[in-house]
Amino acid sequence: MSAPAAALPEPLTTPTAPVRPRGRPRKTLLERDDGNRRAALLATAAALFRSQGFAATTTRDIATATGMQSGSPFYHFKSKDALLFAVMQEGMRAALARQQATLQALALQPPLAQLRGLVQTHFAVLLGPDSDFIPVMLYESRSLNSAQRTELAALQSQYEALWVPVLSALHASGALRAPVGLARLLILGALNWSVQWFDPHKAASLDDLSDAALALFVGPGAPASSASSST
């Protein structure tokens, strides 16, 4: 009697890898909470640095105001100095994004309307809700090290460069008589000083401030249509 035929081996199969969703993986609840707490730390630190001064504010003050343990800020930032620099970076990046959005929205408007938009947005950055970031940068920059000041200066240069084409167009039309470079410095200097005297409880609104600023900076008879830009 012949031996039974050997059973054929089962075919080998290669297990398929699980399909990964495209794009970035979703953040976990802990990661999202970390991002929210970091943002809260920055906002709280900005408010305290502005009201009390950088030197007089401790990390304990910031942690307490944010509802954290005293050492928790160091999970997000190595030191109080690093937190100060992050506040200034956040302020400049947010201001830059807001001005870029303003110019994009006014791209088809004449230069005078664009300048008013820049001025009004600048006042909103300095004096509007959650406006502690840039004033901290204006008055606490001496506390930064040289590398931090260099990095911050690059962001400031990007911000100021947004004003140049608008001022150049107004200068070419005769509405702005001062040289563009000096006009930019004088305008931003005057606007920045408003953090020293503006009182939100008094009658003047940000619209009122913007109108008054334009009356000072730009001569009468500014054209209603776009002027060619010059540098």
C-alpha atoms as a PDB file:
ATOM      1  CA  MET A   1       0.000   0.000   0.000  1.00  0.00           C
ATOM      2  CA  SER A   2       1.518   3.281  -1.047  1.00  0.00           C
ATOM      3  CA  ALA A   3       2.258   5.976   1.517  1.00  0.00           C
ATOM      4  CA  PRO A   4      -0.135   8.893   1.588  1.00  0.00           C
ATOM      5  CA  ALA A   5       1.020  11.936  -0.301  1.00  0.00           C
ATOM      6  CA  ALA A   6       2.566  14.619   1.860  1.00  0.00           C
ATOM      7  CA  ALA A   7       0.317  17.600   2.474  1.00  0.00           C
ATOM      8  CA  LEU A   8       1.263  20.679   0.505  1.00  0.00           C
ATOM      9  CA  PRO A   9       2.605  23.492   2.679  1.00  0.00           C
ATOM     10  CA  GLU A  10       0.391  26.452   3.262  1.00  0.00           C
ATOM     11  CA  PRO A  11       1.303  29.357   0.962  1.00  0.00           C
ATOM     12  CA  LEU A  12       3.399  31.984   2.666  1.00  0.00           C
ATOM     13  CA  THR A  13       1.678  35.344   3.037  1.00  0.00           C
ATOM     14  CA  THR A  14       3.258  38.678   3.805  1.00  0.00           C
ATOM     15  CA  PRO A  15       1.323  40.616   6.421  1.00  0.00           C
ATOM     16  CA  THR A  16       0.178  43.970   5.090  1.00  0.00           C
ATOM     17  CA  ALA A  17       1.233  47.080   6.964  1.00  0.00           C
ATOM     18  CA  PRO A  18      -1.591  49.143   8.419  1.00  0.00           C
ATOM     19  CA  VAL A  19      -2.614  51.994   6.191  1.00  0.00           C
ATOM     20  CA  ARG A  20      -1.438  55.277   7.618  1.00  0.00           C
ATOM     21  CA  PRO A  21      -3.626  58.310   7.177  1.00  0.00           C
ATOM     22  CA  ARG A  22      -2.175  60.998   4.980  1.00  0.00           C
ATOM     23  CA  GLY A  23      -1.001  64.286   6.381  1.00  0.00           C
ATOM     24  CA  ARG A  24       0.287  65.073   9.829  1.00  0.00           C
ATOM     25  CA  PRO A  25      -0.782  62.787  12.667  1.00  0.00           C
ATOM     26  CA  ARG A  26      -3.383  64.246  14.928  1.00  0.00           C
ATOM     27  CA  LYS A  27      -2.113  65.718  18.142  1.00  0.00           C
ATOM     28  CA  THR A  28      -2.964  63.886  21.313  1.00  0.00           C
ATOM     29  CA  LEU A  29      -5.010  65.575  24.019  1.00  0.00           C
ATOM     30  CA  LEU A  30      -1.806  66.021  26.040  1.00  0.00           C
ATOM     31  CA  GLU A  31      -0.012  67.658  23.101  1.00  0.00           C
ATOM     32  CA  ARG A  32      -2.935  69.996  22.503  1.00  0.00           C
ATOM     33  CA  ASP A  33      -3.032  70.872  26.185  1.00  0.00           C
ATOM     34  CA  ASP A  34       0.706  71.607  26.118  1.00  0.00           C
ATOM     35  CA  GLY A  35       0.161  74.006  23.209  1.00  0.00           C
ATOM     36  CA  ASN A  36      -2.670  75.744  25.015  1.00  0.00           C
ATOM     37  CA  ARG A  37      -0.668  76.050  28.217  1.00  0.00           C
ATOM     38  CA  ARG A  38       2.286  77.468  26.321  1.00  0.00           C
ATOM     39  CA  ALA A  39       0.028  80.105  24.749  1.00  0.00           C
ATOM     40  CA  ALA A  40      -1.444  80.905  28.160  1.00  0.00           C
ATOM     41  CA  LEU A  41       2.043  81.274  29.614  1.00  0.00           C
ATOM     42  CA  LEU A  42       3.046  83.692  26.872  1.00  0.00           C
ATOM     43  CA  ALA A  43      -0.078  85.822  27.299  1.00  0.00           C
ATOM     44  CA  THR A  44       0.244  85.891  31.087  1.00  0.00           C
ATOM     45  CA  ALA A  45       3.949  86.639  30.968  1.00  0.00           C
ATOM     46  CA  ALA A  46       3.380  89.459  28.479  1.00  0.00           C
ATOM     47  CA  ALA A  47       0.755  91.047  30.729  1.00  0.00           C
ATOM     48  CA  LEU A  48       2.952  90.807  33.825  1.00  0.00           C
ATOM     49  CA  PHE A  49       6.125  91.956  32.079  1.00  0.00           C
ATOM     50  CA  ARG A  50       4.202  94.975  30.829  1.00  0.00           C
ATOM     51  CA  SER A  51       2.507  95.886  34.119  1.00  0.00           C
ATOM     52  CA  GLN A  52       5.299  95.013  36.577  1.00  0.00           C
ATOM     53  CA  GLY A  53       8.430  95.077  34.436  1.00  0.00           C
ATOM     54  CA  PHE A  54      10.606  92.119  33.504  1.00  0.00           C
ATOM     55  CA  ALA A  55      13.006  92.419  36.440  1.00  0.00           C
ATOM     56  CA  ALA A  56      10.228  92.601  39.047  1.00  0.00           C
ATOM     57  CA  THR A  57       8.282  89.623  37.646  1.00  0.00           C
ATOM     58  CA  THR A  58       9.214  86.134  38.848  1.00  0.00           C
ATOM     59  CA  THR A  59       8.446  82.813  37.225  1.00  0.00           C
ATOM     60  CA  ARG A  60       6.412  82.046  40.336  1.00  0.00           C
ATOM     61  CA  ASP A  61       4.270  85.106  39.582  1.00  0.00           C
ATOM     62  CA  ILE A  62       3.709  83.872  36.046  1.00  0.00           C
ATOM     63  CA  ALA A  63       2.955  80.295  37.111  1.00  0.00           C
ATOM     64  CA  THR A  64       0.502  81.423  39.778  1.00  0.00           C
ATOM     65  CA  ALA A  65      -1.326  83.749  37.397  1.00  0.00           C
ATOM     66  CA  THR A  66      -1.538  80.929  34.829  1.00  0.00           C
ATOM     67  CA  GLY A  67      -2.762  78.394  37.397  1.00  0.00           C
ATOM     68  CA  MET A  68       0.387  76.261  37.286  1.00  0.00           C
ATOM     69  CA  GLN A  69       2.863  74.883  39.775  1.00  0.00           C
ATOM     70  CA  SER A  70       5.824  77.188  40.378  1.00  0.00           C
ATOM     71  CA  GLY A  71       8.238  75.067  38.311  1.00  0.00           C
ATOM     72  CA  SER A  72       5.877  74.349  35.416  1.00  0.00           C
ATOM     73  CA  PRO A  73       6.997  77.251  33.183  1.00  0.00           C
ATOM     74  CA  PHE A  74      10.420  75.601  32.897  1.00  0.00           C
ATOM     75  CA  TYR A  75       8.795  72.663  31.112  1.00  0.00           C
ATOM     76  CA  HIS A  76       8.076  75.044  28.213  1.00  0.00           C
ATOM     77  CA  PHE A  77      10.907  77.585  28.571  1.00  0.00           C
ATOM     78  CA  LYS A  78      14.445  77.112  29.881  1.00  0.00           C
ATOM     79  CA  SER A  79      14.513  80.394  31.769  1.00  0.00           C
ATOM     80  CA  LYS A  80      12.680  83.641  32.374  1.00  0.00           C
ATOM     81  CA  ASP A  81      14.959  85.224  29.761  1.00  0.00           C
ATOM     82  CA  ALA A  82      13.847  82.639  27.198  1.00  0.00           C
ATOM     83  CA  LEU A  83      10.225  83.356  28.084  1.00  0.00           C
ATOM     84  CA  LEU A  84      10.772  87.082  27.547  1.00  0.00           C
ATOM     85  CA  PHE A  85      12.289  86.454  24.128  1.00  0.00           C
ATOM     86  CA  ALA A  86       9.388  84.148  23.197  1.00  0.00           C
ATOM     87  CA  VAL A  87       6.917  86.883  24.172  1.00  0.00           C
ATOM     88  CA  MET A  88       8.668  89.334  21.850  1.00  0.00           C
ATOM     89  CA  GLN A  89       8.885  86.818  19.009  1.00  0.00           C
ATOM     90  CA  GLU A  90       5.205  85.992  19.339  1.00  0.00           C
ATOM     91  CA  GLY A  91       4.317  89.666  19.318  1.00  0.00           C
ATOM     92  CA  MET A  92       6.344  90.467  16.211  1.00  0.00           C
ATOM     93  CA  ARG A  93       5.173  87.422  14.263  1.00  0.00           C
ATOM     94  CA  ALA A  94       1.536  88.132  15.069  1.00  0.00           C
ATOM     95  CA  ALA A  95       1.926  91.811  14.160  1.00  0.00           C
ATOM     96  CA  LEU A  96       3.630  90.896  10.891  1.00  0.00           C
ATOM     97  CA  ALA A  97       0.843  88.485   9.969  1.00  0.00           C
ATOM     98  CA  ARG A  98      -1.841  91.070  10.773  1.00  0.00           C
ATOM     99  CA  GLN A  99      -0.198  93.753   8.635  1.00  0.00           C
ATOM    100  CA  GLN A 100       0.273  91.332   5.745  1.00  0.00           C
ATOM    101  CA  ALA A 101      -3.432  90.485   5.943  1.00  0.00           C
ATOM    102  CA  THR A 102      -4.287  94.203   6.048  1.00  0.00           C
ATOM    103  CA  LEU A 103      -2.301  94.964   2.908  1.00  0.00           C
ATOM    104  CA  GLN A 104      -3.716  91.942   1.122  1.00  0.00           C
ATOM    105  CA  ALA A 105      -7.257  93.094   1.886  1.00  0.00           C
ATOM    106  CA  LEU A 106      -6.430  96.631   0.646  1.00  0.00           C
ATOM    107  CA  ALA A 107      -4.342  95.599  -2.372  1.00  0.00           C
ATOM    108  CA  LEU A 108      -6.692  97.311  -4.845  1.00  0.00           C
ATOM    109  CA  GLN A 109      -7.146 100.446  -2.743  1.00  0.00           C
ATOM    110  CA  PRO A 110      -5.175 103.701  -3.196  1.00  0.00           C
ATOM    111  CA  PRO A 111      -2.008 104.243  -1.133  1.00  0.00           C
ATOM    112  CA  LEU A 112      -3.766 106.577   1.318  1.00  0.00           C
ATOM    113  CA  ALA A 113      -6.264 103.848   2.221  1.00  0.00           C
ATOM    114  CA  GLN A 114      -3.424 101.372   2.560  1.00  0.00           C
ATOM    115  CA  LEU A 115      -1.527 103.694   4.892  1.00  0.00           C
ATOM    116  CA  ARG A 116      -4.634 104.176   7.014  1.00  0.00           C
ATOM    117  CA  GLY A 117      -4.971 100.395   7.233  1.00  0.00           C
ATOM    118  CA  LEU A 118      -1.361 100.033   8.324  1.00  0.00           C
ATOM    119  CA  VAL A 119      -1.734 102.765  10.930  1.00  0.00           C
ATOM    120  CA  GLN A 120      -4.998 101.394  12.303  1.00  0.00           C
ATOM    121  CA  THR A 121      -3.650  97.841  12.509  1.00  0.00           C
ATOM    122  CA  HIS A 122      -0.511  99.129  14.229  1.00  0.00           C
ATOM    123  CA  PHE A 123      -2.648 100.922  16.820  1.00  0.00           C
ATOM    124  CA  ALA A 124      -4.680  97.732  17.305  1.00  0.00           C
ATOM    125  CA  VAL A 125      -1.463  95.763  17.881  1.00  0.00           C
ATOM    126  CA  LEU A 126      -0.287  98.324  20.448  1.00  0.00           C
ATOM    127  CA  LEU A 127      -3.531  99.276  22.163  1.00  0.00           C
ATOM    128  CA  GLY A 128      -6.225  96.735  21.323  1.00  0.00           C
ATOM    129  CA  PRO A 129      -7.215  93.516  23.140  1.00  0.00           C
ATOM    130  CA  ASP A 130      -4.306  91.239  24.087  1.00  0.00           C
ATOM    131  CA  SER A 131      -1.898  94.047  23.187  1.00  0.00           C
ATOM    132  CA  ASP A 132       0.826  93.433  25.767  1.00  0.00           C
ATOM    133  CA  PHE A 133       3.351  91.706  23.489  1.00  0.00           C
ATOM    134  CA  ILE A 134       4.717  94.626  21.444  1.00  0.00           C
ATOM    135  CA  PRO A 135       4.894  97.124  24.348  1.00  0.00           C
ATOM    136  CA  VAL A 136       7.030  94.563  26.191  1.00  0.00           C
ATOM    137  CA  MET A 137       9.312  94.413  23.159  1.00  0.00           C
ATOM    138  CA  LEU A 138       9.542  98.206  22.980  1.00  0.00           C
ATOM    139  CA  TYR A 139      10.650  98.664  26.594  1.00  0.00           C
ATOM    140  CA  GLU A 140      12.359  95.423  27.632  1.00  0.00           C
ATOM    141  CA  SER A 141      14.671  94.770  24.663  1.00  0.00           C
ATOM    142  CA  ARG A 142      17.670  95.728  26.796  1.00  0.00           C
ATOM    143  CA  SER A 143      17.152  92.467  28.687  1.00  0.00           C
ATOM    144  CA  LEU A 144      17.873  90.352  25.582  1.00  0.00           C
ATOM    145  CA  ASN A 145      21.270  88.999  24.630  1.00  0.00           C
ATOM    146  CA  SER A 146      22.927  89.992  21.359  1.00  0.00           C
ATOM    147  CA  ALA A 147      21.801  86.901  19.436  1.00  0.00           C
ATOM    148  CA  GLN A 148      18.207  87.425  20.515  1.00  0.00           C
ATOM    149  CA  ARG A 149      18.333  91.106  19.566  1.00  0.00           C
ATOM    150  CA  THR A 150      19.672  90.178  16.126  1.00  0.00           C
ATOM    151  CA  GLU A 151      16.865  87.688  15.527  1.00  0.00           C
ATOM    152  CA  LEU A 152      14.259  90.145  16.720  1.00  0.00           C
ATOM    153  CA  ALA A 153      15.727  92.902  14.531  1.00  0.00           C
ATOM    154  CA  ALA A 154      15.199  90.690  11.478  1.00  0.00           C
ATOM    155  CA  LEU A 155      11.481  90.412  12.307  1.00  0.00           C
ATOM    156  CA  GLN A 156      11.281  94.171  12.861  1.00  0.00           C
ATOM    157  CA  SER A 157      12.899  94.777   9.470  1.00  0.00           C
ATOM    158  CA  GLN A 158      10.296  92.575   7.784  1.00  0.00           C
ATOM    159  CA  TYR A 159       7.543  94.486   9.540  1.00  0.00           C
ATOM    160  CA  GLU A 160       8.894  97.907   8.625  1.00  0.00           C
ATOM    161  CA  ALA A 161       9.520  96.844   5.021  1.00  0.00           C
ATOM    162  CA  LEU A 162       5.751  96.440   4.549  1.00  0.00           C
ATOM    163  CA  TRP A 163       5.346 100.198   4.944  1.00  0.00           C
ATOM    164  CA  VAL A 164       7.932 101.224   2.359  1.00  0.00           C
ATOM    165  CA  PRO A 165       5.985 100.635  -0.905  1.00  0.00           C
ATOM    166  CA  VAL A 166       2.960 102.487   0.480  1.00  0.00           C
ATOM    167  CA  LEU A 167       5.021 105.439   1.682  1.00  0.00           C
ATOM    168  CA  SER A 168       6.962 105.462  -1.589  1.00  0.00           C
ATOM    169  CA  ALA A 169       3.739 105.687  -3.588  1.00  0.00           C
ATOM    170  CA  LEU A 170       2.508 108.571  -1.444  1.00  0.00           C
ATOM    171  CA  HIS A 171       5.865 110.311  -1.775  1.00  0.00           C
ATOM    172  CA  ALA A 172       5.786 109.924  -5.559  1.00  0.00           C
ATOM    173  CA  SER A 173       2.326 111.520  -5.652  1.00  0.00           C
ATOM    174  CA  GLY A 174       3.441 114.453  -3.500  1.00  0.00           C
ATOM    175  CA  ALA A 175       1.143 113.565  -0.623  1.00  0.00           C
ATOM    176  CA  LEU A 176       4.121 112.617   1.568  1.00  0.00           C
ATOM    177  CA  ARG A 177       6.809 115.288   1.488  1.00  0.00           C
ATOM    178  CA  ALA A 178       9.346 113.805   3.881  1.00  0.00           C
ATOM    179  CA  PRO A 179      11.917 111.295   2.590  1.00  0.00           C
ATOM    180  CA  VAL A 180      10.476 107.800   2.789  1.00  0.00           C
ATOM    181  CA  GLY A 181      13.124 106.433   5.159  1.00  0.00           C
ATOM    182  CA  LEU A 182      12.758 109.268   7.656  1.00  0.00           C
ATOM    183  CA  ALA A 183       8.972 109.243   7.325  1.00  0.00           C
ATOM    184  CA  ARG A 184       8.876 105.550   8.221  1.00  0.00           C
ATOM    185  CA  LEU A 185      11.001 106.091  11.328  1.00  0.00           C
ATOM    186  CA  LEU A 186       9.053 109.151  12.457  1.00  0.00           C
ATOM    187  CA  ILE A 187       5.638 107.577  11.865  1.00  0.00           C
ATOM    188  CA  LEU A 188       6.424 104.351  13.702  1.00  0.00           C
ATOM    189  CA  GLY A 189       8.120 106.257  16.510  1.00  0.00           C
ATOM    190  CA  ALA A 190       5.060 108.475  16.997  1.00  0.00           C
ATOM    191  CA  LEU A 191       2.659 105.542  16.875  1.00  0.00           C
ATOM    192  CA  ASN A 192       4.734 103.491  19.326  1.00  0.00           C
ATOM    193  CA  TRP A 193       4.790 106.323  21.853  1.00  0.00           C
ATOM    194  CA  SER A 194       0.988 106.097  22.142  1.00  0.00           C
ATOM    195  CA  VAL A 195       1.391 103.204  24.594  1.00  0.00           C
ATOM    196  CA  GLN A 196       2.650 105.800  27.089  1.00  0.00           C
ATOM    197  CA  TRP A 197      -0.363 108.089  27.004  1.00  0.00           C
ATOM    198  CA  PHE A 198      -3.364 106.342  25.457  1.00  0.00           C
ATOM    199  CA  ASP A 199      -6.271 105.869  27.873  1.00  0.00           C
ATOM    200  CA  PRO A 200      -8.956 103.467  26.594  1.00  0.00           C
ATOM    201  CA  HIS A 201     -11.453 104.928  29.077  1.00  0.00           C
ATOM    202  CA  LYS A 202     -11.364 108.331  27.415  1.00  0.00           C
ATOM    203  CA  ALA A 203     -13.278 109.358  24.315  1.00  0.00           C
ATOM    204  CA  ALA A 204     -10.666 108.732  21.599  1.00  0.00           C
ATOM    205  CA  SER A 205     -11.074 105.452  19.716  1.00  0.00           C
ATOM    206  CA  LEU A 206      -8.549 103.667  17.526  1.00  0.00           C
ATOM    207  CA  ASP A 207     -10.399 105.107  14.516  1.00  0.00           C
ATOM    208  CA  ASP A 208      -9.965 108.605  15.971  1.00  0.00           C
ATOM    209  CA  LEU A 209      -6.262 107.987  16.490  1.00  0.00           C
ATOM    210  CA  SER A 210      -5.853 106.693  12.939  1.00  0.00           C
ATOM    211  CA  ASP A 211      -7.601 109.743  11.463  1.00  0.00           C
ATOM    212  CA  ALA A 212      -5.479 112.106  13.536  1.00  0.00           C
ATOM    213  CA  ALA A 213      -2.271 110.305  12.570  1.00  0.00           C
ATOM    214  CA  LEU A 214      -3.043 110.533   8.861  1.00  0.00           C
ATOM    215  CA  ALA A 215      -3.844 114.238   9.211  1.00  0.00           C
ATOM    216  CA  LEU A 216      -0.364 114.729  10.692  1.00  0.00           C
ATOM    217  CA  PHE A 217       1.623 112.524   8.331  1.00  0.00           C
ATOM    218  CA  VAL A 218       0.014 113.072   4.932  1.00  0.00           C
ATOM    219  CA  GLY A 219      -0.625 116.420   3.270  1.00  0.00           C
ATOM    220  CA  PRO A 220      -4.042 117.500   2.005  1.00  0.00           C
ATOM    221  CA  GLY A 221      -5.130 116.484  -1.451  1.00  0.00           C
ATOM    222  CA  ALA A 222      -3.802 112.923  -1.361  1.00  0.00           C
ATOM    223  CA  PRO A 223      -5.001 111.238  -4.548  1.00  0.00           C
ATOM    224  CA  ALA A 224      -7.955 108.862  -4.423  1.00  0.00           C
ATOM    225  CA  SER A 225      -6.387 106.527  -7.007  1.00  0.00           C
ATOM    226  CA  SER A 226      -3.239 104.443  -6.699  1.00  0.00           C
ATOM    227  CA  ALA A 227       0.048 106.139  -7.424  1.00  0.00           C
ATOM    228  CA  SER A 228       3.013 104.295  -8.889  1.00  0.00           C
ATOM    229  CA  SER A 229       5.401 103.001  -6.250  1.00  0.00           C
ATOM    230  CA  SER A 230       8.956 104.281  -6.131  1.00  0.00           C
ATOM    231  CA  THR A 231      11.875 103.672  -3.831  1.00  0.00           C
END
